[in-house]
């Protein structure tokens, strides 16, 4: 996003995280050379294999953009931006199944399951065949 009061041309874009040297993402060819008017934004979306942090861990990613004022090549700025990617923890059940996500999701799934079993049991009881009693005189 260009938060300045002048048009800015993107001249460089790199990405990095701890243990990874800065590199140019695959979308860099679509971004470098783009001129952004004040308040305008551009998006660079790309996919990396083996990027996700280990279960319950995190990775802090730093993208760095260099932009120069349009028509003034000497007036440039380097702007880093960071984001943290969190990996949900893995919860293992006694049966060997693994659940990912916050415990609240697991609790919600369990509550819904118990509710469905309860409703099903009630319906089976309510719709059961009943004996009709007749009195003899």
C-alpha atoms as a PDB file:
ATOM      1  CA  UNK A   1       0.000   0.000   0.000  1.00  0.00           C
ATOM      2  CA  UNK A   2       1.276   3.440  -0.895  1.00  0.00           C
ATOM      3  CA  UNK A   3       0.725   5.534   2.209  1.00  0.00           C
ATOM      4  CA  UNK A   4       2.688   8.515   0.870  1.00  0.00           C
ATOM      5  CA  UNK A   5       1.340  11.642  -0.822  1.00  0.00           C
ATOM      6  CA  UNK A   6       3.156  10.926  -4.133  1.00  0.00           C
ATOM      7  CA  UNK A   7       3.051   8.166  -6.750  1.00  0.00           C
ATOM      8  CA  UNK A   8       5.589   5.405  -6.016  1.00  0.00           C
ATOM      9  CA  UNK A   9       7.095   2.844  -8.396  1.00  0.00           C
ATOM     10  CA  UNK A  10       8.021  -0.521  -6.878  1.00  0.00           C
ATOM     11  CA  UNK A  11      11.629  -1.369  -7.771  1.00  0.00           C
ATOM     12  CA  UNK A  12      12.234  -4.462  -5.614  1.00  0.00           C
ATOM     13  CA  UNK A  13      10.373  -7.072  -3.569  1.00  0.00           C
ATOM     14  CA  UNK A  14      11.949  -9.792  -1.433  1.00  0.00           C
ATOM     15  CA  UNK A  15      10.666 -12.226   1.150  1.00  0.00           C
ATOM     16  CA  UNK A  16      12.499 -14.016   3.987  1.00  0.00           C
ATOM     17  CA  UNK A  17      12.039 -15.733   7.327  1.00  0.00           C
ATOM     18  CA  UNK A  18      14.488 -17.085   9.926  1.00  0.00           C
ATOM     19  CA  UNK A  19      16.796 -19.631   8.336  1.00  0.00           C
ATOM     20  CA  UNK A  20      15.781 -18.567   4.805  1.00  0.00           C
ATOM     21  CA  UNK A  21      17.859 -16.107   2.782  1.00  0.00           C
ATOM     22  CA  UNK A  22      15.873 -13.280   1.145  1.00  0.00           C
ATOM     23  CA  UNK A  23      14.464 -14.355  -2.222  1.00  0.00           C
ATOM     24  CA  UNK A  24      12.256 -12.927  -4.950  1.00  0.00           C
ATOM     25  CA  UNK A  25       8.822 -14.580  -4.937  1.00  0.00           C
ATOM     26  CA  UNK A  26       7.337 -15.854  -8.200  1.00  0.00           C
ATOM     27  CA  UNK A  27       4.924 -12.910  -8.407  1.00  0.00           C
ATOM     28  CA  UNK A  28       7.755 -10.342  -8.381  1.00  0.00           C
ATOM     29  CA  UNK A  29       7.519  -9.932 -12.166  1.00  0.00           C
ATOM     30  CA  UNK A  30       3.922  -8.750 -11.749  1.00  0.00           C
ATOM     31  CA  UNK A  31       4.810  -6.238  -9.016  1.00  0.00           C
ATOM     32  CA  UNK A  32       8.205  -4.721  -9.831  1.00  0.00           C
ATOM     33  CA  UNK A  33       7.690  -1.755 -12.139  1.00  0.00           C
ATOM     34  CA  UNK A  34       4.148  -1.139 -10.885  1.00  0.00           C
ATOM     35  CA  UNK A  35       3.380   2.479 -10.001  1.00  0.00           C
ATOM     36  CA  UNK A  36       0.984   3.015  -7.123  1.00  0.00           C
ATOM     37  CA  UNK A  37      -0.917   6.261  -6.700  1.00  0.00           C
ATOM     38  CA  UNK A  38      -1.286   7.565  -3.126  1.00  0.00           C
ATOM     39  CA  UNK A  39      -3.589   5.195  -1.208  1.00  0.00           C
ATOM     40  CA  UNK A  40      -3.396   2.487  -3.897  1.00  0.00           C
ATOM     41  CA  UNK A  41      -2.321  -1.100  -3.110  1.00  0.00           C
ATOM     42  CA  UNK A  42      -0.998  -4.107  -4.997  1.00  0.00           C
ATOM     43  CA  UNK A  43      -1.035  -7.773  -4.011  1.00  0.00           C
ATOM     44  CA  UNK A  44       1.686 -10.342  -4.546  1.00  0.00           C
ATOM     45  CA  UNK A  45       0.354 -13.844  -3.849  1.00  0.00           C
ATOM     46  CA  UNK A  46       2.556 -16.922  -4.140  1.00  0.00           C
ATOM     47  CA  UNK A  47       2.851 -20.443  -2.733  1.00  0.00           C
ATOM     48  CA  UNK A  48       5.880 -22.031  -1.080  1.00  0.00           C
ATOM     49  CA  UNK A  49       6.346 -25.738  -0.437  1.00  0.00           C
ATOM     50  CA  UNK A  50       7.415 -26.849   3.063  1.00  0.00           C
ATOM     51  CA  UNK A  51       6.750 -23.396   4.516  1.00  0.00           C
ATOM     52  CA  UNK A  52       4.255 -24.221   7.270  1.00  0.00           C
ATOM     53  CA  UNK A  53       5.633 -24.185  10.805  1.00  0.00           C
ATOM     54  CA  UNK A  54       5.554 -27.328  12.907  1.00  0.00           C
ATOM     55  CA  UNK A  55       2.346 -28.087  14.797  1.00  0.00           C
ATOM     56  CA  UNK A  56       1.789 -25.448  17.458  1.00  0.00           C
ATOM     57  CA  UNK A  57       4.721 -23.359  16.186  1.00  0.00           C
ATOM     58  CA  UNK A  58       5.054 -20.114  14.274  1.00  0.00           C
ATOM     59  CA  UNK A  59       7.153 -18.477  11.569  1.00  0.00           C
ATOM     60  CA  UNK A  60       7.716 -14.728  11.344  1.00  0.00           C
ATOM     61  CA  UNK A  61       7.891 -13.718   7.712  1.00  0.00           C
ATOM     62  CA  UNK A  62       9.415 -10.436   6.461  1.00  0.00           C
ATOM     63  CA  UNK A  63       8.584  -8.986   3.056  1.00  0.00           C
ATOM     64  CA  UNK A  64      10.675  -6.001   2.003  1.00  0.00           C
ATOM     65  CA  UNK A  65       9.620  -3.558  -0.717  1.00  0.00           C
ATOM     66  CA  UNK A  66      11.754  -0.820  -2.235  1.00  0.00           C
ATOM     67  CA  UNK A  67       9.811   1.973  -3.878  1.00  0.00           C
ATOM     68  CA  UNK A  68      10.894   5.214  -5.524  1.00  0.00           C
ATOM     69  CA  UNK A  69       8.936   8.384  -6.121  1.00  0.00           C
ATOM     70  CA  UNK A  70       7.718   8.345  -9.699  1.00  0.00           C
ATOM     71  CA  UNK A  71      10.084  10.438 -11.839  1.00  0.00           C
ATOM     72  CA  UNK A  72      12.556  10.981  -8.960  1.00  0.00           C
ATOM     73  CA  UNK A  73      14.861   7.934  -8.905  1.00  0.00           C
ATOM     74  CA  UNK A  74      16.914   9.256  -5.979  1.00  0.00           C
ATOM     75  CA  UNK A  75      13.919   9.499  -3.631  1.00  0.00           C
ATOM     76  CA  UNK A  76      13.486   5.845  -2.613  1.00  0.00           C
ATOM     77  CA  UNK A  77      12.446   4.053   0.549  1.00  0.00           C
ATOM     78  CA  UNK A  78      12.935   0.502   1.816  1.00  0.00           C
ATOM     79  CA  UNK A  79       9.919  -0.725   3.750  1.00  0.00           C
ATOM     80  CA  UNK A  80       9.901  -4.074   5.572  1.00  0.00           C
ATOM     81  CA  UNK A  81       6.644  -5.628   6.694  1.00  0.00           C
ATOM     82  CA  UNK A  82       6.337  -8.625   8.988  1.00  0.00           C
ATOM     83  CA  UNK A  83       3.640 -11.175   9.582  1.00  0.00           C
ATOM     84  CA  UNK A  84       3.525 -14.233  11.805  1.00  0.00           C
ATOM     85  CA  UNK A  85       2.091 -17.502  10.552  1.00  0.00           C
ATOM     86  CA  UNK A  86       0.725 -19.728  13.314  1.00  0.00           C
ATOM     87  CA  UNK A  87       0.238 -23.460  12.973  1.00  0.00           C
ATOM     88  CA  UNK A  88      -2.613 -24.890  15.037  1.00  0.00           C
ATOM     89  CA  UNK A  89      -1.674 -27.445  17.691  1.00  0.00           C
ATOM     90  CA  UNK A  90      -2.416 -31.120  17.079  1.00  0.00           C
ATOM     91  CA  UNK A  91      -4.557 -32.952  19.628  1.00  0.00           C
ATOM     92  CA  UNK A  92      -4.346 -36.736  19.635  1.00  0.00           C
ATOM     93  CA  UNK A  93      -7.216 -38.836  20.890  1.00  0.00           C
ATOM     94  CA  UNK A  94      -6.878 -42.146  22.689  1.00  0.00           C
ATOM     95  CA  UNK A  95      -7.897 -43.920  19.466  1.00  0.00           C
ATOM     96  CA  UNK A  96      -4.922 -42.504  17.585  1.00  0.00           C
ATOM     97  CA  UNK A  97      -6.869 -39.864  15.663  1.00  0.00           C
ATOM     98  CA  UNK A  98      -5.322 -36.418  15.455  1.00  0.00           C
ATOM     99  CA  UNK A  99      -7.298 -33.176  15.527  1.00  0.00           C
ATOM    100  CA  UNK A 100      -5.855 -29.830  14.479  1.00  0.00           C
ATOM    101  CA  UNK A 101      -7.137 -26.449  15.486  1.00  0.00           C
ATOM    102  CA  UNK A 102      -7.881 -24.773  18.745  1.00  0.00           C
ATOM    103  CA  UNK A 103      -9.407 -26.916  21.483  1.00  0.00           C
ATOM    104  CA  UNK A 104     -12.648 -24.950  21.078  1.00  0.00           C
ATOM    105  CA  UNK A 105     -13.187 -26.565  17.674  1.00  0.00           C
ATOM    106  CA  UNK A 106     -12.741 -30.018  19.174  1.00  0.00           C
ATOM    107  CA  UNK A 107     -15.137 -29.151  21.995  1.00  0.00           C
ATOM    108  CA  UNK A 108     -17.723 -27.890  19.503  1.00  0.00           C
ATOM    109  CA  UNK A 109     -17.432 -31.070  17.426  1.00  0.00           C
ATOM    110  CA  UNK A 110     -17.867 -33.219  20.526  1.00  0.00           C
ATOM    111  CA  UNK A 111     -20.871 -31.218  21.738  1.00  0.00           C
ATOM    112  CA  UNK A 112     -22.535 -31.478  18.336  1.00  0.00           C
ATOM    113  CA  UNK A 113     -21.856 -35.225  18.238  1.00  0.00           C
ATOM    114  CA  UNK A 114     -23.345 -35.785  21.699  1.00  0.00           C
ATOM    115  CA  UNK A 115     -26.356 -33.647  20.795  1.00  0.00           C
ATOM    116  CA  UNK A 116     -27.005 -35.672  17.649  1.00  0.00           C
ATOM    117  CA  UNK A 117     -26.743 -38.951  19.592  1.00  0.00           C
ATOM    118  CA  UNK A 118     -29.150 -37.612  22.233  1.00  0.00           C
ATOM    119  CA  UNK A 119     -31.683 -36.445  19.654  1.00  0.00           C
ATOM    120  CA  UNK A 120     -31.389 -39.742  17.777  1.00  0.00           C
ATOM    121  CA  UNK A 121     -31.969 -41.726  20.970  1.00  0.00           C
ATOM    122  CA  UNK A 122     -35.031 -39.618  21.808  1.00  0.00           C
ATOM    123  CA  UNK A 123     -36.480 -40.115  18.317  1.00  0.00           C
ATOM    124  CA  UNK A 124     -35.944 -43.873  18.521  1.00  0.00           C
ATOM    125  CA  UNK A 125     -37.676 -43.970  21.917  1.00  0.00           C
ATOM    126  CA  UNK A 126     -40.540 -41.701  20.828  1.00  0.00           C
ATOM    127  CA  UNK A 127     -41.245 -43.577  17.583  1.00  0.00           C
ATOM    128  CA  UNK A 128     -40.902 -47.072  19.079  1.00  0.00           C
ATOM    129  CA  UNK A 129     -43.772 -49.507  18.553  1.00  0.00           C
ATOM    130  CA  UNK A 130     -46.071 -49.534  21.554  1.00  0.00           C
ATOM    131  CA  UNK A 131     -48.298 -52.309  22.824  1.00  0.00           C
ATOM    132  CA  UNK A 132     -51.924 -51.467  22.982  1.00  0.00           C
ATOM    133  CA  UNK A 133     -53.693 -52.669  26.106  1.00  0.00           C
ATOM    134  CA  UNK A 134     -57.194 -53.777  25.872  1.00  0.00           C
ATOM    135  CA  UNK A 135     -59.336 -54.449  28.910  1.00  0.00           C
ATOM    136  CA  UNK A 136     -61.499 -57.480  29.070  1.00  0.00           C
ATOM    137  CA  UNK A 137     -64.839 -57.377  30.687  1.00  0.00           C
END
